[in-house]
């Protein structure tokens, strides 16, 4: 997964460009690896 990180206000966005939160342009591209999680079951699910 690819996101853009604003250094000034520390928010993530889907698109590169001007930050919608603070108006700054200092965004960096970051990559997020999503891991498969095992579904946890509880006694209520049984």
C-alpha atoms as a PDB file:
ATOM      1  CA  UNK A   1       0.000   0.000   0.000  1.00  0.00           C
ATOM      2  CA  UNK A   2       1.332   3.427  -0.897  1.00  0.00           C
ATOM      3  CA  UNK A   3       0.496   6.577   1.090  1.00  0.00           C
ATOM      4  CA  UNK A   4       1.833  10.112   1.378  1.00  0.00           C
ATOM      5  CA  UNK A   5       2.963  11.511   4.744  1.00  0.00           C
ATOM      6  CA  UNK A   6       2.909  15.212   5.663  1.00  0.00           C
ATOM      7  CA  UNK A   7       5.926  16.175   7.820  1.00  0.00           C
ATOM      8  CA  UNK A   8       4.267  19.317   9.117  1.00  0.00           C
ATOM      9  CA  UNK A   9       0.985  17.932  10.517  1.00  0.00           C
ATOM     10  CA  UNK A  10       1.793  14.172  10.465  1.00  0.00           C
ATOM     11  CA  UNK A  11      -1.236  13.012   8.502  1.00  0.00           C
ATOM     12  CA  UNK A  12      -1.532  10.372   5.789  1.00  0.00           C
ATOM     13  CA  UNK A  13      -3.241  10.894   2.454  1.00  0.00           C
ATOM     14  CA  UNK A  14      -3.963   8.824  -0.641  1.00  0.00           C
ATOM     15  CA  UNK A  15      -2.671  11.384  -3.161  1.00  0.00           C
ATOM     16  CA  UNK A  16       0.496  13.445  -3.554  1.00  0.00           C
ATOM     17  CA  UNK A  17       0.229  17.219  -3.529  1.00  0.00           C
ATOM     18  CA  UNK A  18      -0.839  19.908  -1.127  1.00  0.00           C
ATOM     19  CA  UNK A  19      -1.886  18.581   2.284  1.00  0.00           C
ATOM     20  CA  UNK A  20      -5.634  18.957   2.780  1.00  0.00           C
ATOM     21  CA  UNK A  21      -5.162  19.342   6.526  1.00  0.00           C
ATOM     22  CA  UNK A  22      -2.520  22.094   6.817  1.00  0.00           C
ATOM     23  CA  UNK A  23      -1.898  23.343   3.251  1.00  0.00           C
ATOM     24  CA  UNK A  24       1.788  22.361   3.215  1.00  0.00           C
ATOM     25  CA  UNK A  25       3.425  20.662   0.225  1.00  0.00           C
ATOM     26  CA  UNK A  26       6.174  18.780   2.134  1.00  0.00           C
ATOM     27  CA  UNK A  27       4.830  15.264   1.621  1.00  0.00           C
ATOM     28  CA  UNK A  28       6.860  12.055   1.463  1.00  0.00           C
ATOM     29  CA  UNK A  29       5.886   8.781  -0.184  1.00  0.00           C
ATOM     30  CA  UNK A  30       5.778   5.827   2.211  1.00  0.00           C
ATOM     31  CA  UNK A  31       5.002   2.156   1.686  1.00  0.00           C
ATOM     32  CA  UNK A  32       2.851   0.241   4.160  1.00  0.00           C
ATOM     33  CA  UNK A  33       2.941  -3.541   4.194  1.00  0.00           C
ATOM     34  CA  UNK A  34      -0.331  -5.103   5.272  1.00  0.00           C
ATOM     35  CA  UNK A  35      -0.079  -8.512   6.904  1.00  0.00           C
ATOM     36  CA  UNK A  36      -2.776 -11.162   6.872  1.00  0.00           C
ATOM     37  CA  UNK A  37      -4.193 -11.532  10.348  1.00  0.00           C
ATOM     38  CA  UNK A  38      -5.779 -14.665  11.689  1.00  0.00           C
ATOM     39  CA  UNK A  39      -9.413 -14.234  12.583  1.00  0.00           C
ATOM     40  CA  UNK A  40      -9.810 -14.633  16.308  1.00  0.00           C
ATOM     41  CA  UNK A  41     -12.815 -16.527  17.500  1.00  0.00           C
ATOM     42  CA  UNK A  42     -14.474 -16.134  20.846  1.00  0.00           C
ATOM     43  CA  UNK A  43     -16.912 -18.294  22.725  1.00  0.00           C
ATOM     44  CA  UNK A  44     -19.719 -15.951  21.648  1.00  0.00           C
ATOM     45  CA  UNK A  45     -18.945 -16.729  17.984  1.00  0.00           C
ATOM     46  CA  UNK A  46     -19.341 -20.482  18.518  1.00  0.00           C
END
